[in-house]
Amino acid sequence: MKKEYLWAEFAAVFLLLLLPPLLATYGSGGLPLVSAAEFSWTALMQLAVALALGLQSRRLFLGSSARQAVQLPGAADSPSFQKLITVLVWGPVSFGVLMLIAAFMWTLSLLLPGCFGSSLDVPIPPPGLLLALNLAIGAYYEEVLYRLFLPESLRFLIPRQQFALPAELLSVVIFACSHRYLGVFSVLNAALCGSMLRICCRKTRGIATGALVHFLYNFLLVLWAALMPGGAVSP
């Protein structure tokens, strides 16, 4: 794929998908996943965009390296087995770290109530099938956009080794600031969670594991908030 095309695509994705959440202000709403408890055309649009960008990004950026995994004795001829072991290791590790982050942020909000107000200012609907579906689509969409397309596009378009770390940090910052409309609490939470999910993406060479972990994390927090109003950080 020509870099000119990818630059144009990157600009379009940034202007249409990445920039709007950055401009949303606290309390303005945006597209909080926790309020998506009914059929949404926006969710279908997100799914279509994520599928398109995900397929392209996997072919373009991961390519021949998609089978990289932990090398196990006697398993050199079984990349699928290596991939399975990598997923079984990094899936639970990522989920555990995300839950620790949630516990840490909740504790921090209790210790410093003046600095961290509740970020759950919108009514939390009871968990249901449509809510779970929208949360799953939202998690997959964010993993494709922020953990695969954004950092890998930056690293591909500016292939200088010294830019690799700034590209990773910029991707985390953009993801974190996309939660700015929910307050400082959610920005810090998103920065920590986004960093862990990016590590998961790099280690597993894909976004499937991260998307599943992201969905489970969001769903449990919504369930927690539904049972204990005001007692959870936002997805």
Protein backbone atom coordinates (compact mmCIF):
# COMPACT_ATOMS: atom_id res chain seq x y z
CA MET A 1 0.00 0.00 0.00
CA LYS A 2 1.36 3.43 -0.94
CA LYS A 3 2.19 5.75 1.91
CA GLU A 4 0.31 8.58 0.21
CA TYR A 5 -2.91 6.56 0.47
CA LEU A 6 -2.21 5.63 4.08
CA TRP A 7 -1.49 9.26 5.00
CA ALA A 8 -4.85 10.27 3.47
CA GLU A 9 -6.63 7.45 5.29
CA PHE A 10 -4.90 8.33 8.55
CA ALA A 11 -5.95 11.98 8.18
CA ALA A 12 -9.57 10.96 7.49
CA VAL A 13 -9.68 8.59 10.46
CA PHE A 14 -8.14 11.21 12.72
CA LEU A 15 -10.55 13.97 11.66
CA LEU A 16 -13.70 11.84 11.65
CA LEU A 17 -13.08 9.35 14.44
CA LEU A 18 -10.22 10.42 16.70
CA LEU A 19 -10.73 14.18 16.90
CA PRO A 20 -14.43 14.44 17.93
CA PRO A 21 -13.96 12.71 21.33
CA LEU A 22 -10.97 14.97 22.02
CA LEU A 23 -13.14 18.06 21.55
CA ALA A 24 -15.97 16.86 23.77
CA THR A 25 -15.99 18.67 27.11
CA TYR A 26 -16.77 17.33 30.57
CA GLY A 27 -20.45 16.60 30.96
CA SER A 28 -21.22 17.02 27.25
CA GLY A 29 -21.92 13.34 26.84
CA GLY A 30 -19.99 12.13 23.83
CA LEU A 31 -20.69 8.45 23.19
CA PRO A 32 -20.44 6.80 26.63
CA LEU A 33 -20.76 3.05 26.22
CA VAL A 34 -22.61 2.69 29.52
CA SER A 35 -25.66 4.46 28.08
CA ALA A 36 -25.90 2.21 25.02
CA ALA A 37 -28.56 -0.18 26.24
CA GLU A 38 -30.69 -0.17 23.09
CA PHE A 39 -30.24 -0.63 19.36
CA SER A 40 -27.78 1.88 17.96
CA TRP A 41 -26.86 2.68 14.37
CA THR A 42 -23.70 4.22 15.75
CA ALA A 43 -22.66 0.82 17.07
CA LEU A 44 -23.18 -0.73 13.64
CA MET A 45 -21.10 2.04 12.08
CA GLN A 46 -18.35 1.42 14.62
CA LEU A 47 -18.43 -2.30 13.86
CA ALA A 48 -18.19 -1.72 10.10
CA VAL A 49 -15.29 0.73 10.50
CA ALA A 50 -13.51 -1.57 12.94
CA LEU A 51 -13.83 -4.59 10.66
CA ALA A 52 -12.49 -2.66 7.67
CA LEU A 53 -9.58 -1.08 9.54
CA GLY A 54 -8.86 -4.28 11.43
CA LEU A 55 -8.57 -6.43 8.32
CA GLN A 56 -6.39 -3.87 6.57
CA SER A 57 -4.20 -3.23 9.59
CA ARG A 58 -3.64 -6.91 10.29
CA ARG A 59 -2.57 -7.54 6.70
CA LEU A 60 -0.46 -4.40 6.39
CA PHE A 61 1.15 -4.02 9.81
CA LEU A 62 1.21 -7.49 11.32
CA GLY A 63 1.66 -9.46 8.11
CA SER A 64 4.36 -12.07 8.36
CA SER A 65 5.03 -11.23 12.00
CA ALA A 66 1.49 -12.16 13.07
CA ARG A 67 2.68 -15.61 14.09
CA GLN A 68 5.33 -14.41 16.49
CA ALA A 69 4.89 -16.02 19.87
CA VAL A 70 6.77 -17.48 22.80
CA GLN A 71 9.16 -20.13 21.53
CA LEU A 72 8.48 -23.35 23.40
CA PRO A 73 10.72 -26.44 23.42
CA GLY A 74 9.44 -28.99 20.93
CA ALA A 75 6.80 -26.61 19.54
CA ALA A 76 8.84 -24.80 16.90
CA ASP A 77 6.76 -26.39 14.13
CA SER A 78 3.44 -25.42 15.73
CA PRO A 79 2.88 -21.65 15.51
CA SER A 80 -0.82 -22.10 16.29
CA PHE A 81 0.08 -23.83 19.56
CA GLN A 82 2.53 -21.06 20.41
CA LYS A 83 -0.18 -18.49 19.64
CA LEU A 84 -2.61 -20.31 21.93
CA ILE A 85 -0.11 -20.32 24.80
CA THR A 86 0.61 -16.63 24.28
CA VAL A 87 -3.12 -15.80 24.40
CA LEU A 88 -3.70 -18.01 27.46
CA VAL A 89 -0.87 -16.20 29.25
CA TRP A 90 -1.55 -12.60 28.24
CA GLY A 91 -5.35 -12.75 28.36
CA PRO A 92 -5.62 -13.40 32.11
CA VAL A 93 -2.60 -11.19 32.86
CA SER A 94 -4.16 -8.26 30.99
CA PHE A 95 -7.56 -8.76 32.60
CA GLY A 96 -6.00 -9.01 36.06
CA VAL A 97 -3.99 -5.83 35.55
CA LEU A 98 -7.09 -3.96 34.34
CA MET A 99 -9.03 -5.01 37.42
CA LEU A 100 -6.13 -3.94 39.65
CA ILE A 101 -6.16 -0.57 37.89
CA ALA A 102 -9.90 -0.27 38.53
CA ALA A 103 -9.39 -1.07 42.22
CA PHE A 104 -6.51 1.39 42.45
CA MET A 105 -8.45 4.20 40.79
CA TRP A 106 -11.52 3.57 42.95
CA THR A 107 -9.36 3.65 46.10
CA LEU A 108 -7.69 6.84 44.87
CA SER A 109 -11.06 8.47 44.33
CA LEU A 110 -12.04 7.62 47.92
CA LEU A 111 -8.79 8.99 49.34
CA LEU A 112 -8.87 12.16 47.22
CA PRO A 113 -12.57 12.99 46.72
CA GLY A 114 -11.77 16.63 46.04
CA CYS A 115 -9.56 15.74 43.07
CA PHE A 116 -11.60 12.88 41.64
CA GLY A 117 -15.32 13.31 41.43
CA SER A 118 -17.47 10.46 40.28
CA SER A 119 -17.19 9.96 36.53
CA LEU A 120 -20.45 8.03 36.37
CA ASP A 121 -22.81 10.96 36.01
CA VAL A 122 -25.08 9.20 33.51
CA PRO A 123 -27.76 6.68 34.54
CA ILE A 124 -26.43 3.11 34.43
CA PRO A 125 -28.85 0.75 32.67
CA PRO A 126 -29.23 -2.80 33.95
CA PRO A 127 -26.99 -5.25 32.06
CA GLY A 128 -28.75 -6.95 29.17
CA LEU A 129 -28.17 -8.49 25.77
CA LEU A 130 -28.19 -5.23 23.80
CA LEU A 131 -25.94 -3.55 26.33
CA ALA A 132 -23.51 -6.48 26.17
CA LEU A 133 -23.56 -6.36 22.36
CA ASN A 134 -22.88 -2.63 22.28
CA LEU A 135 -20.12 -2.98 24.85
CA ALA A 136 -18.54 -5.76 22.77
CA ILE A 137 -18.70 -3.66 19.60
CA GLY A 138 -17.31 -0.65 21.44
CA ALA A 139 -14.44 -2.66 22.89
CA TYR A 140 -13.53 -4.13 19.51
CA TYR A 141 -13.78 -0.71 17.86
CA GLU A 142 -11.48 0.93 20.40
CA GLU A 143 -8.94 -1.90 20.22
CA VAL A 144 -8.75 -1.66 16.43
CA LEU A 145 -8.61 2.13 16.42
CA TYR A 146 -6.35 2.89 19.39
CA ARG A 147 -4.30 -0.28 19.86
CA LEU A 148 -3.75 -1.33 16.24
CA PHE A 149 -4.47 1.28 13.59
CA LEU A 150 -3.22 4.41 15.38
CA PRO A 151 0.14 3.25 16.78
CA GLU A 152 0.99 0.92 13.90
CA SER A 153 0.09 3.57 11.30
CA LEU A 154 2.35 6.09 13.03
CA ARG A 155 5.20 3.61 13.21
CA PHE A 156 4.70 2.66 9.55
CA LEU A 157 4.43 6.22 8.27
CA ILE A 158 7.40 7.45 10.29
CA PRO A 159 9.65 4.37 10.43
CA ARG A 160 12.45 5.97 12.41
CA GLN A 161 13.45 3.90 15.41
CA GLN A 162 13.64 6.94 17.67
CA PHE A 163 9.99 7.72 16.90
CA ALA A 164 8.73 4.29 18.02
CA LEU A 165 8.30 5.21 21.69
CA PRO A 166 6.76 8.67 21.00
CA ALA A 167 4.27 6.96 18.65
CA GLU A 168 3.26 4.55 21.40
CA LEU A 169 2.95 7.33 23.98
CA LEU A 170 0.96 9.54 21.61
CA SER A 171 -1.51 6.72 20.98
CA VAL A 172 -2.02 6.25 24.72
CA VAL A 173 -2.45 10.00 25.27
CA ILE A 174 -5.03 10.30 22.48
CA PHE A 175 -6.98 7.34 23.86
CA ALA A 176 -6.84 8.74 27.39
CA CYS A 177 -7.91 12.24 26.30
CA SER A 178 -10.82 10.77 24.34
CA HIS A 179 -12.32 10.17 27.82
CA ARG A 180 -11.85 13.81 28.82
CA TYR A 181 -15.59 14.48 28.72
CA LEU A 182 -15.90 12.09 31.68
CA GLY A 183 -13.37 13.95 33.82
CA VAL A 184 -9.79 13.58 35.05
CA PHE A 185 -10.66 10.32 36.79
CA SER A 186 -11.47 8.59 33.51
CA VAL A 187 -8.51 10.12 31.66
CA LEU A 188 -6.03 8.62 34.13
CA ASN A 189 -7.89 5.31 34.18
CA ALA A 190 -7.92 5.15 30.37
CA ALA A 191 -4.20 5.95 30.17
CA LEU A 192 -3.31 3.07 32.47
CA CYS A 193 -5.74 0.60 30.89
CA GLY A 194 -4.82 1.67 27.36
CA SER A 195 -1.14 1.07 28.07
CA MET A 196 -1.82 -2.46 29.30
CA LEU A 197 -4.07 -3.27 26.36
CA ARG A 198 -1.43 -2.03 23.92
CA ILE A 199 1.12 -4.33 25.57
CA CYS A 200 -1.38 -7.18 25.16
CA CYS A 201 -1.80 -6.30 21.48
CA ARG A 202 1.97 -6.30 20.94
CA LYS A 203 2.50 -9.56 22.79
CA THR A 204 -0.33 -11.47 21.12
CA ARG A 205 0.21 -9.82 17.70
CA GLY A 206 -3.49 -9.04 17.36
CA ILE A 207 -6.47 -7.36 19.00
CA ALA A 208 -8.79 -10.33 19.60
CA THR A 209 -7.45 -11.02 23.11
CA GLY A 210 -7.44 -7.35 24.07
CA ALA A 211 -10.96 -6.84 22.72
CA LEU A 212 -12.29 -9.75 24.80
CA VAL A 213 -10.50 -8.49 27.92
CA HIS A 214 -11.70 -4.93 27.23
CA PHE A 215 -15.30 -6.13 26.88
CA LEU A 216 -15.20 -8.21 30.07
CA TYR A 217 -13.67 -5.29 31.95
CA ASN A 218 -16.31 -2.82 30.74
CA PHE A 219 -19.17 -5.24 31.36
CA LEU A 220 -18.05 -6.01 34.91
CA LEU A 221 -17.72 -2.30 35.69
CA VAL A 222 -21.20 -1.60 34.36
CA LEU A 223 -22.53 -4.53 36.39
CA TRP A 224 -20.67 -3.20 39.43
CA ALA A 225 -22.10 0.28 38.90
CA ALA A 226 -25.62 -1.12 38.46
CA LEU A 227 -25.37 -2.99 41.77
CA MET A 228 -23.48 -0.24 43.61
CA PRO A 229 -24.41 3.19 42.17
CA GLY A 230 -21.42 5.50 42.07
CA GLY A 231 -19.08 2.66 42.98
CA ALA A 232 -17.16 2.06 39.77
CA VAL A 233 -14.85 3.78 37.35
CA SER A 234 -16.10 4.39 33.85
CA PRO A 235 -15.14 2.08 30.95
